Amino acid sequence: MLSPGDRVAVAVSGGSDSIALLHALVELAPALGTQTAVAHLNHQLRGAESDTDEEFVASLAARLGLRFLRASFDVKDLAEAHGANLEQAARDCRYQWFTQLMGEGAVDKVAVGHTLSDQAETVLLRLFRGSGSAGLAGVLPVRADGIVRPLLGVTREQARQFLEDRSVSWREDASNADESRDRNRLRHSLMPLLQSDWNPNLPSVLAHTADWARDEEVYWEQAVSKAASGLMNQRDGGAELSVDGLTALPTAMVRRIYRRAIETAQGTLKGIGWDHIEQLRSLGAKSGATGEIHLPGIVAVRSFGTIRIESASARGCTPEFDIAVEPPATVPLPDGKTRLVFQLTNRAGEDRGYNSLRAETLDWERVPSLLRLRGWRPGDSYRPQGRSHTKKLKTLFQESRTPIWERDGWPVLTVPADAGEDTGNPDRIVWTRRFGVAEDFKPRIESRHWLKITEVDHDGSAISVNRMGGASVNT
């Protein structure tokens, strides 16, 4: 948890738990080989009382000869701006500031004063809210970001006794008595009732439950990582899951992989409960090839044998586009992911074989002067090179098992409808991504000039496209 040489900032609110943690770490610093600082965040929620808390903590740091780190945020305004409750907004502010302190190199770790009593309350609250075993693990003694909780083995009463034995004072936050807040109501009303009527050792029992669940989570984390590696892919900020792969797994593993996918897609499992995971399981188990559900913060879409989970805030349709193209040219696609490069070449410099690259080459001598690049539209159809009949793009998508989420803004290159057969449409497709050049515009042996079309990613690597499958990058 703490190592020799660590510069540890103790998050001190002025309450008994954080004051006890501060004094304990100051006393232990010579033995631990650590350096202690004091960090205080003023939430500006209680007016003059909040300012008095800050002055109290600053004075304490000065008496102990410790570095004092302070910050102040208008938590109420932040909560209103983000639609969060005050408790969550205050917590988010604190932890963002703690992370900032460590990120800037001001300290190595931040110690917070959560006790065994806090852990018990957390487990009970999460149980009431329908959390699974991951939630029952409670708060972690050591977080990956450097936040540590040294008092998780100490009750709130023991922390206060520690201070009384040393005649150390602390501040009482009047808001902690407000039983309109869930945690306060549980702390002051429900927990004492459960202890008196059911089990006086309930806080310890709940804390041990958290220890048990946490150890199981360590096992599950490894098992889920192994199972997910073969059936979950991260792409374009979302997570994509193989339906067949999920079907072959036990239900317990499937639930956890869905949780992993949600966390991968939006960085948090906040707001996700039992019912939401079960909705995802139903989406994966349904016999139909497609489906879509909306859950807190995310959207899940099934297409063919894949389920894609992505953040609702990040999801958006590619805007309509219709761009004139005058080769040679490089045209960024509106989805911001790739660019199309149009190059005019002489036949003499080209390989005469009909390979996959040739399928991305137009006979420039057959192409009218006006080329336009647009997104595909329902009803679009053309005859790809090598095909005997015209096909709708929708049919080609289905044949190639192109997922629904990949079709948005799919680029097609067109010429005016009078350039060849009359299809009844205002324009005629001469090329489209993945399915290649139209049969009527493929290169001829006698042609002298060709138009080569290459799709490249951000670093300029060409994307080689399988005619009826996915894409890969060639450097």
Protein backbone atom coordinates (compact mmCIF):
# COMPACT_ATOMS: atom_id res chain seq x y z
CA MET A 1 0.00 0.00 0.00
CA LEU A 2 2.77 2.45 1.00
CA SER A 3 6.46 2.08 0.19
CA PRO A 4 9.59 3.76 1.56
CA GLY A 5 10.09 7.12 -0.12
CA ASP A 6 6.42 7.61 -1.00
CA ARG A 7 5.14 11.17 -0.79
CA VAL A 8 1.67 10.65 0.59
CA ALA A 9 -1.03 13.31 0.62
CA VAL A 10 -3.70 12.58 3.23
CA ALA A 11 -7.13 13.77 2.10
CA VAL A 12 -8.33 15.64 5.18
CA SER A 13 -11.87 17.01 5.35
CA GLY A 14 -11.64 17.88 9.05
CA GLY A 15 -13.82 14.97 10.18
CA SER A 16 -12.74 12.31 12.65
CA ASP A 17 -11.83 9.62 10.09
CA SER A 18 -9.49 11.76 8.03
CA ILE A 19 -7.94 13.41 11.11
CA ALA A 20 -7.27 9.97 12.62
CA LEU A 21 -5.68 8.82 9.35
CA LEU A 22 -3.47 11.90 9.24
CA HIS A 23 -2.19 11.48 12.81
CA ALA A 24 -1.65 7.74 12.32
CA LEU A 25 0.44 8.26 9.18
CA VAL A 26 2.42 11.07 10.79
CA GLU A 27 3.24 8.77 13.72
CA LEU A 28 4.14 5.89 11.39
CA ALA A 29 6.10 7.97 8.84
CA PRO A 30 9.56 7.34 10.41
CA ALA A 31 8.99 3.58 10.40
CA LEU A 32 7.41 3.54 6.96
CA GLY A 33 9.94 5.90 5.41
CA THR A 34 7.18 8.07 3.91
CA GLN A 35 6.67 11.82 3.61
CA THR A 36 3.27 13.19 4.60
CA ALA A 37 1.34 16.13 3.19
CA VAL A 38 -2.21 17.38 3.77
CA ALA A 39 -4.73 17.79 0.93
CA HIS A 40 -8.04 19.61 1.46
CA LEU A 41 -10.77 20.34 -1.08
CA ASN A 42 -13.36 23.01 -0.27
CA HIS A 43 -16.66 21.96 -1.87
CA GLN A 44 -18.29 25.37 -1.22
CA LEU A 45 -21.49 23.62 -0.13
CA ARG A 46 -21.90 25.01 3.38
CA GLY A 47 -20.83 28.63 3.01
CA ALA A 48 -18.85 29.95 5.98
CA GLU A 49 -18.78 26.50 7.57
CA SER A 50 -16.88 25.10 4.58
CA ASP A 51 -14.38 27.95 4.83
CA THR A 52 -13.97 27.30 8.56
CA ASP A 53 -13.23 23.62 7.82
CA GLU A 54 -10.50 24.70 5.40
CA GLU A 55 -8.98 27.05 7.98
CA PHE A 56 -9.08 24.27 10.59
CA VAL A 57 -7.24 21.82 8.31
CA ALA A 58 -4.72 24.46 7.21
CA SER A 59 -3.98 25.27 10.85
CA LEU A 60 -3.55 21.59 11.66
CA ALA A 61 -1.10 21.12 8.79
CA ALA A 62 0.90 24.12 9.99
CA ARG A 63 1.07 22.77 13.58
CA LEU A 64 2.32 19.43 12.30
CA GLY A 65 4.81 21.11 9.96
CA LEU A 66 3.29 19.51 6.87
CA ARG A 67 2.90 20.76 3.33
CA PHE A 68 -0.68 21.94 2.72
CA LEU A 69 -2.35 21.39 -0.66
CA ARG A 70 -5.73 23.02 -1.22
CA ALA A 71 -8.33 23.41 -3.93
CA SER A 72 -11.85 24.81 -4.14
CA PHE A 73 -14.74 23.89 -6.45
CA ASP A 74 -18.33 25.06 -6.64
CA VAL A 75 -19.74 21.54 -6.46
CA LYS A 76 -23.37 22.66 -6.58
CA ASP A 77 -22.87 24.40 -9.93
CA LEU A 78 -20.96 21.41 -11.29
CA ALA A 79 -23.71 19.03 -10.17
CA GLU A 80 -26.39 21.12 -11.89
CA ALA A 81 -24.32 21.43 -15.06
CA HIS A 82 -23.83 17.66 -15.34
CA GLY A 83 -27.18 16.53 -13.94
CA ALA A 84 -25.56 14.71 -11.02
CA ASN A 85 -26.49 14.62 -7.35
CA LEU A 86 -24.37 16.60 -4.90
CA GLU A 87 -22.73 13.57 -3.29
CA GLN A 88 -21.60 12.13 -6.62
CA ALA A 89 -20.44 15.52 -7.91
CA ALA A 90 -18.42 16.12 -4.72
CA ARG A 91 -16.84 12.68 -4.96
CA ASP A 92 -15.98 13.18 -8.64
CA CYS A 93 -14.35 16.55 -7.87
CA ARG A 94 -12.26 15.06 -5.08
CA TYR A 95 -10.97 12.12 -7.06
CA GLN A 96 -10.27 14.19 -10.15
CA TRP A 97 -8.21 16.55 -8.02
CA PHE A 98 -6.40 13.66 -6.32
CA THR A 99 -5.56 12.20 -9.73
CA GLN A 100 -4.37 15.61 -10.89
CA LEU A 101 -2.05 15.95 -7.87
CA MET A 102 -0.44 12.61 -8.67
CA GLY A 103 -0.37 13.26 -12.39
CA GLU A 104 1.46 16.56 -11.88
CA GLY A 105 4.01 14.87 -9.61
CA ALA A 106 3.03 16.82 -6.50
CA VAL A 107 2.63 13.53 -4.57
CA ASP A 108 3.02 9.83 -5.27
CA LYS A 109 -0.12 8.58 -3.53
CA VAL A 110 -3.26 9.95 -1.91
CA ALA A 111 -4.59 8.31 1.28
CA VAL A 112 -8.30 8.66 2.05
CA GLY A 113 -10.01 7.92 5.37
CA HIS A 114 -12.57 5.26 4.51
CA THR A 115 -13.09 2.93 7.48
CA LEU A 116 -14.49 -0.55 7.97
CA SER A 117 -17.78 1.15 8.90
CA ASP A 118 -17.83 2.96 5.54
CA GLN A 119 -17.08 -0.31 3.78
CA ALA A 120 -20.00 -2.05 5.51
CA GLU A 121 -22.36 0.77 4.52
CA THR A 122 -21.15 0.63 0.93
CA VAL A 123 -21.75 -3.12 0.68
CA LEU A 124 -25.26 -2.82 2.12
CA LEU A 125 -26.19 0.10 -0.14
CA ARG A 126 -24.97 -1.75 -3.22
CA LEU A 127 -26.86 -4.88 -2.18
CA PHE A 128 -30.06 -2.81 -1.91
CA ARG A 129 -29.43 -1.40 -5.38
CA GLY A 130 -29.08 -4.84 -6.96
CA SER A 131 -25.32 -4.96 -7.40
CA GLY A 132 -23.62 -8.21 -8.34
CA SER A 133 -20.59 -9.65 -6.61
CA ALA A 134 -18.32 -7.08 -8.25
CA GLY A 135 -20.21 -4.34 -6.43
CA LEU A 136 -20.22 -6.28 -3.17
CA ALA A 137 -16.41 -6.10 -3.21
CA GLY A 138 -16.93 -2.55 -1.95
CA VAL A 139 -14.17 0.01 -2.11
CA LEU A 140 -10.64 -1.20 -2.79
CA PRO A 141 -7.81 -0.83 -0.27
CA VAL A 142 -5.45 0.08 -3.11
CA ARG A 143 -6.56 1.52 -6.44
CA ALA A 144 -4.54 1.34 -9.64
CA ASP A 145 -4.43 5.15 -9.84
CA GLY A 146 -2.50 5.50 -6.55
CA ILE A 147 -5.38 6.17 -4.11
CA VAL A 148 -5.07 4.07 -0.94
CA ARG A 149 -7.37 3.43 2.04
CA PRO A 150 -5.29 2.46 5.10
CA LEU A 151 -8.22 2.48 7.57
CA LEU A 152 -10.44 -0.19 6.00
CA GLY A 153 -9.66 -2.52 8.91
CA VAL A 154 -10.65 0.10 11.53
CA THR A 155 -14.19 1.02 12.58
CA ARG A 156 -15.41 4.60 12.86
CA GLU A 157 -15.62 4.18 16.64
CA GLN A 158 -12.03 2.94 16.84
CA ALA A 159 -10.83 5.93 14.83
CA ARG A 160 -12.55 8.31 17.24
CA GLN A 161 -11.14 6.49 20.24
CA PHE A 162 -7.68 6.86 18.72
CA LEU A 163 -8.19 10.63 18.60
CA GLU A 164 -9.68 10.86 22.10
CA ASP A 165 -6.73 8.95 23.54
CA ARG A 166 -4.47 11.68 22.12
CA SER A 167 -6.80 14.59 22.94
CA VAL A 168 -7.05 15.48 19.26
CA SER A 169 -10.11 17.44 18.12
CA TRP A 170 -11.97 17.25 14.84
CA ARG A 171 -14.81 18.97 13.00
CA GLU A 172 -18.35 17.64 12.69
CA ASP A 173 -20.00 18.14 9.29
CA ALA A 174 -23.64 19.02 9.96
CA SER A 175 -24.66 17.53 6.59
CA ASN A 176 -23.70 14.07 7.89
CA ALA A 177 -26.83 14.18 10.07
CA ASP A 178 -29.14 14.84 7.10
CA GLU A 179 -31.14 11.62 6.80
CA SER A 180 -32.61 12.61 3.47
CA ARG A 181 -29.38 11.16 2.08
CA ASP A 182 -29.34 7.39 1.67
CA ARG A 183 -26.02 6.76 3.38
CA ASN A 184 -26.86 8.93 6.38
CA ARG A 185 -30.24 7.24 6.82
CA LEU A 186 -28.57 3.82 6.68
CA ARG A 187 -25.81 4.93 9.08
CA HIS A 188 -28.02 6.52 11.73
CA SER A 189 -31.23 4.48 11.50
CA LEU A 190 -31.00 1.17 9.66
CA MET A 191 -27.54 -0.06 10.67
CA PRO A 192 -28.12 0.44 14.42
CA LEU A 193 -31.46 -1.39 14.09
CA LEU A 194 -29.89 -4.31 12.25
CA GLN A 195 -27.08 -4.52 14.78
CA SER A 196 -29.42 -4.50 17.77
CA ASP A 197 -32.03 -6.89 16.33
CA TRP A 198 -29.94 -9.18 14.14
CA ASN A 199 -26.17 -9.10 14.51
CA PRO A 200 -24.07 -6.73 16.65
CA ASN A 201 -21.06 -7.63 14.49
CA LEU A 202 -22.82 -6.73 11.24
CA PRO A 203 -20.24 -4.12 10.08
CA SER A 204 -17.47 -6.71 10.35
CA VAL A 205 -19.61 -9.34 8.62
CA LEU A 206 -20.28 -6.98 5.71
CA ALA A 207 -16.64 -5.96 5.51
CA HIS A 208 -15.62 -9.62 5.39
CA THR A 209 -18.19 -10.12 2.63
CA ALA A 210 -16.39 -7.38 0.70
CA ASP A 211 -13.05 -9.14 1.26
CA TRP A 212 -14.52 -12.41 0.01
CA ALA A 213 -16.09 -10.81 -3.05
CA ARG A 214 -12.91 -8.89 -3.82
CA ASP A 215 -10.80 -12.08 -3.80
CA GLU A 216 -13.30 -13.73 -6.11
CA GLU A 217 -13.17 -10.70 -8.38
CA VAL A 218 -9.42 -11.15 -8.74
CA TYR A 219 -10.03 -14.68 -10.00
CA TRP A 220 -12.88 -13.61 -12.27
CA GLU A 221 -10.84 -10.74 -13.69
CA GLN A 222 -8.25 -13.20 -14.98
CA ALA A 223 -10.86 -15.68 -16.22
CA VAL A 224 -12.87 -12.99 -18.02
CA SER A 225 -9.77 -11.53 -19.66
CA LYS A 226 -8.88 -14.96 -21.03
CA ALA A 227 -12.41 -15.70 -22.27
CA ALA A 228 -12.98 -12.22 -23.73
CA SER A 229 -9.71 -12.22 -25.66
CA GLY A 230 -11.16 -14.59 -28.21
CA LEU A 231 -14.59 -13.05 -28.70
CA MET A 232 -14.41 -9.32 -27.90
CA ASN A 233 -12.73 -6.67 -30.04
CA GLN A 234 -12.31 -2.96 -29.42
CA ARG A 235 -13.06 -0.90 -32.50
CA ASP A 236 -13.81 2.78 -33.05
CA GLY A 237 -14.37 3.39 -29.34
CA GLY A 238 -16.81 0.52 -28.90
CA ALA A 239 -16.71 -3.17 -28.00
CA GLU A 240 -17.82 -5.88 -30.43
CA LEU A 241 -18.79 -9.36 -29.23
CA SER A 242 -19.22 -12.65 -31.08
CA VAL A 243 -22.74 -13.98 -30.44
CA ASP A 244 -21.72 -17.58 -31.16
CA GLY A 245 -18.77 -17.27 -28.79
CA LEU A 246 -21.00 -15.99 -26.00
CA THR A 247 -23.57 -18.76 -26.53
CA ALA A 248 -20.92 -21.39 -25.82
CA LEU A 249 -20.06 -19.92 -22.39
CA PRO A 250 -21.67 -20.40 -18.95
CA THR A 251 -24.20 -17.74 -17.97
CA ALA A 252 -21.98 -16.38 -15.18
CA MET A 253 -19.17 -15.74 -17.65
CA VAL A 254 -21.51 -14.20 -20.23
CA ARG A 255 -22.78 -11.65 -17.70
CA ARG A 256 -19.27 -10.65 -16.78
CA ILE A 257 -18.15 -10.31 -20.39
CA TYR A 258 -21.10 -8.00 -21.06
CA ARG A 259 -20.03 -5.93 -18.05
CA ARG A 260 -16.47 -5.84 -19.42
CA ALA A 261 -17.76 -4.72 -22.82
CA ILE A 262 -19.82 -1.90 -21.28
CA GLU A 263 -16.87 -0.71 -19.23
CA THR A 264 -14.66 -0.87 -22.32
CA ALA A 265 -17.15 1.20 -24.32
CA GLN A 266 -17.87 3.98 -21.84
CA GLY A 267 -15.22 3.65 -19.12
CA THR A 268 -17.67 2.99 -16.29
CA LEU A 269 -20.45 0.69 -15.14
CA LYS A 270 -22.31 3.52 -13.44
CA GLY A 271 -26.06 3.04 -13.68
CA ILE A 272 -25.77 -0.52 -14.97
CA GLY A 273 -27.71 -3.12 -12.98
CA TRP A 274 -29.02 -6.65 -13.20
CA ASP A 275 -31.90 -5.85 -15.57
CA HIS A 276 -29.57 -4.17 -18.07
CA ILE A 277 -27.23 -7.15 -18.26
CA GLU A 278 -30.21 -9.45 -18.71
CA GLN A 279 -31.46 -7.29 -21.59
CA LEU A 280 -28.09 -7.75 -23.27
CA ARG A 281 -28.27 -11.50 -22.73
CA SER A 282 -31.71 -11.52 -24.35
CA LEU A 283 -30.38 -9.55 -27.31
CA GLY A 284 -27.63 -12.12 -27.77
CA ALA A 285 -29.98 -15.08 -27.40
CA LYS A 286 -32.75 -13.93 -29.74
CA SER A 287 -33.11 -15.80 -32.99
CA GLY A 288 -33.34 -12.71 -35.22
CA ALA A 289 -30.21 -11.39 -36.91
CA THR A 290 -30.68 -7.77 -35.85
CA GLY A 291 -31.82 -5.77 -32.84
CA GLU A 292 -31.04 -2.67 -30.81
CA ILE A 293 -31.46 -1.70 -27.14
CA HIS A 294 -30.69 1.48 -25.22
CA LEU A 295 -29.31 1.24 -21.69
CA PRO A 296 -27.97 3.93 -19.31
CA GLY A 297 -25.20 5.67 -21.22
CA ILE A 298 -24.84 3.02 -23.94
CA VAL A 299 -26.42 1.60 -27.07
CA ALA A 300 -26.16 -2.08 -28.01
CA VAL A 301 -26.79 -3.17 -31.61
CA ARG A 302 -26.86 -6.72 -32.95
CA SER A 303 -26.11 -7.34 -36.61
CA PHE A 304 -25.56 -10.85 -37.95
CA GLY A 305 -23.32 -12.65 -35.45
CA THR A 306 -21.96 -9.59 -33.66
CA ILE A 307 -23.18 -7.30 -30.89
CA ARG A 308 -21.63 -3.84 -30.76
CA ILE A 309 -21.78 -1.84 -27.53
CA GLU A 310 -20.88 1.84 -27.65
CA SER A 311 -21.33 4.97 -25.61
CA ALA A 312 -24.59 6.75 -26.39
CA SER A 313 -22.81 10.11 -26.26
CA ALA A 314 -20.22 9.01 -28.82
CA ARG A 315 -22.74 7.52 -31.18
CA GLY A 316 -23.81 9.63 -34.12
CA CYS A 317 -24.70 9.40 -37.75
CA THR A 318 -22.25 10.51 -40.41
CA PRO A 319 -23.65 13.70 -41.93
CA GLU A 320 -24.95 13.62 -45.49
CA PHE A 321 -22.22 14.44 -47.99
CA ASP A 322 -21.98 14.96 -51.72
CA ILE A 323 -18.51 16.05 -52.84
CA ALA A 324 -17.21 16.87 -56.31
CA VAL A 325 -13.99 14.95 -57.04
CA GLU A 326 -11.39 16.15 -59.55
CA PRO A 327 -8.50 13.67 -59.66
CA PRO A 328 -5.77 13.69 -58.62
CA ALA A 329 -7.20 14.38 -55.16
CA THR A 330 -7.27 13.24 -51.54
CA VAL A 331 -10.71 13.41 -49.94
CA PRO A 332 -11.20 12.96 -46.17
CA LEU A 333 -14.36 10.97 -45.46
CA PRO A 334 -16.87 12.72 -43.16
CA ASP A 335 -16.65 10.03 -40.48
CA GLY A 336 -13.11 11.30 -39.80
CA LYS A 337 -11.58 7.83 -39.85
CA THR A 338 -10.07 7.47 -43.35
CA ARG A 339 -9.33 9.28 -46.62
CA LEU A 340 -9.77 8.33 -50.24
CA VAL A 341 -6.82 8.95 -52.53
CA PHE A 342 -7.57 9.33 -56.27
CA GLN A 343 -4.53 8.88 -58.54
CA LEU A 344 -4.34 9.07 -62.34
CA THR A 345 -1.90 6.51 -63.73
CA ASN A 346 -0.65 5.33 -67.11
CA ARG A 347 -1.27 1.75 -68.09
CA ALA A 348 2.41 1.32 -68.90
CA GLY A 349 3.29 1.68 -65.23
CA GLU A 350 0.72 -0.81 -63.98
CA ASP A 351 0.78 -4.54 -63.38
CA ARG A 352 -1.34 -6.13 -66.10
CA GLY A 353 -2.68 -8.83 -63.77
CA TYR A 354 -6.23 -8.60 -62.51
CA ASN A 355 -5.49 -8.63 -58.81
CA SER A 356 -7.30 -7.09 -55.84
CA LEU A 357 -5.68 -3.70 -56.46
CA ARG A 358 -6.94 -3.72 -60.07
CA ALA A 359 -10.47 -4.06 -58.64
CA GLU A 360 -9.97 -0.55 -57.17
CA THR A 361 -9.00 0.87 -60.58
CA LEU A 362 -11.36 2.63 -63.00
CA ASP A 363 -10.91 3.01 -66.74
CA TRP A 364 -10.37 6.77 -66.77
CA GLU A 365 -11.18 6.99 -70.48
CA ARG A 366 -14.72 5.76 -69.76
CA VAL A 367 -15.32 8.15 -66.87
CA PRO A 368 -17.07 11.47 -67.63
CA SER A 369 -15.49 14.63 -66.30
CA LEU A 370 -17.92 14.96 -63.39
CA LEU A 371 -17.31 12.59 -60.46
CA ARG A 372 -19.10 12.91 -57.14
CA LEU A 373 -18.52 11.14 -53.84
CA ARG A 374 -21.49 10.62 -51.52
CA GLY A 375 -22.81 8.29 -48.86
CA TRP A 376 -24.91 5.30 -49.89
CA ARG A 377 -28.68 5.62 -49.95
CA PRO A 378 -31.47 3.06 -49.65
CA GLY A 379 -32.27 1.81 -53.14
CA ASP A 380 -28.70 2.25 -54.46
CA SER A 381 -27.71 -0.51 -56.87
CA TYR A 382 -24.99 -1.28 -59.40
CA ARG A 383 -23.20 -4.14 -61.10
CA PRO A 384 -19.83 -4.80 -59.44
CA GLN A 385 -16.93 -5.92 -61.61
CA GLY A 386 -17.18 -9.63 -62.37
CA ARG A 387 -20.88 -9.88 -61.51
CA SER A 388 -23.47 -10.87 -64.09
CA HIS A 389 -26.34 -8.85 -62.62
CA THR A 390 -27.04 -5.54 -60.95
CA LYS A 391 -27.48 -5.78 -57.18
CA LYS A 392 -28.69 -3.44 -54.50
CA LEU A 393 -26.06 -2.31 -52.03
CA LYS A 394 -28.32 -3.55 -49.25
CA THR A 395 -28.09 -7.04 -50.75
CA LEU A 396 -24.31 -6.75 -51.04
CA PHE A 397 -24.13 -5.70 -47.39
CA GLN A 398 -26.10 -8.77 -46.42
CA GLU A 399 -24.04 -11.11 -48.59
CA SER A 400 -20.80 -9.75 -47.14
CA ARG A 401 -22.27 -9.70 -43.60
CA THR A 402 -21.41 -6.03 -43.23
CA PRO A 403 -22.76 -4.96 -39.81
CA ILE A 404 -25.35 -2.20 -39.64
CA TRP A 405 -23.03 0.17 -37.76
CA GLU A 406 -20.42 0.02 -40.55
CA ARG A 407 -22.86 1.08 -43.27
CA ASP A 408 -23.42 4.66 -42.09
CA GLY A 409 -21.75 7.05 -44.54
CA TRP A 410 -20.55 4.18 -46.77
CA PRO A 411 -18.76 5.96 -49.67
CA VAL A 412 -19.88 5.54 -53.27
CA LEU A 413 -18.44 7.28 -56.33
CA THR A 414 -20.95 8.33 -58.96
CA VAL A 415 -21.28 9.88 -62.40
CA PRO A 416 -24.39 11.46 -63.97
CA ALA A 417 -27.08 8.93 -64.87
CA ASP A 418 -26.76 9.61 -68.59
CA ALA A 419 -23.21 8.23 -68.57
CA GLY A 420 -24.20 4.80 -69.83
CA GLU A 421 -27.35 2.85 -69.05
CA ASP A 422 -30.36 4.70 -67.69
CA THR A 423 -30.99 3.27 -64.21
CA GLY A 424 -33.80 5.63 -63.35
CA ASN A 425 -31.61 7.27 -60.69
CA PRO A 426 -30.11 10.77 -60.86
CA ASP A 427 -26.62 9.27 -60.75
CA ARG A 428 -24.79 6.06 -61.50
CA ILE A 429 -22.39 4.24 -59.16
CA VAL A 430 -18.98 3.56 -60.66
CA TRP A 431 -17.23 2.42 -57.46
CA THR A 432 -17.98 1.79 -53.81
CA ARG A 433 -15.98 0.68 -50.82
CA ARG A 434 -15.41 -3.08 -50.46
CA PHE A 435 -17.43 -4.05 -53.56
CA GLY A 436 -15.17 -2.22 -56.01
CA VAL A 437 -15.49 -0.90 -59.54
CA ALA A 438 -18.65 -1.19 -61.65
CA GLU A 439 -18.41 -3.72 -64.50
CA ASP A 440 -18.98 -1.04 -67.15
CA PHE A 441 -16.04 1.02 -65.86
CA LYS A 442 -13.44 -1.69 -65.26
CA PRO A 443 -10.05 -1.22 -66.95
CA ARG A 444 -9.67 -2.47 -70.54
CA ILE A 445 -6.50 -3.88 -72.00
CA GLU A 446 -6.46 -1.10 -74.62
CA SER A 447 -6.99 1.70 -72.09
CA ARG A 448 -4.07 4.07 -71.62
CA HIS A 449 -5.15 5.89 -68.46
CA TRP A 450 -6.61 4.55 -65.25
CA LEU A 451 -7.96 6.06 -62.04
CA LYS A 452 -6.71 4.26 -58.98
CA ILE A 453 -8.72 4.59 -55.74
CA THR A 454 -7.03 3.83 -52.41
CA GLU A 455 -8.51 4.18 -48.95
CA VAL A 456 -5.91 5.13 -46.34
CA ASP A 457 -5.98 5.59 -42.57
CA HIS A 458 -4.63 8.55 -40.59
CA ASP A 459 -0.97 7.56 -40.91
CA GLY A 460 -1.28 7.01 -44.66
CA SER A 461 -1.36 3.19 -44.57
CA ALA A 462 -3.45 1.73 -47.39
CA ILE A 463 -6.49 -0.29 -46.39
CA SER A 464 -6.72 -3.47 -48.46
CA VAL A 465 -10.31 -4.59 -48.75
CA ASN A 466 -11.52 -8.15 -49.20
CA ARG A 467 -14.28 -8.05 -51.79
CA MET A 468 -16.79 -9.81 -49.54
CA GLY A 469 -15.19 -9.49 -46.13
CA GLY A 470 -13.50 -7.12 -43.75
CA ALA A 471 -10.63 -4.70 -44.13
CA SER A 472 -6.98 -4.89 -43.18
CA VAL A 473 -4.17 -2.36 -43.21
CA ASN A 474 -1.16 -2.70 -45.47
CA THR A 475 1.86 -0.60 -44.64
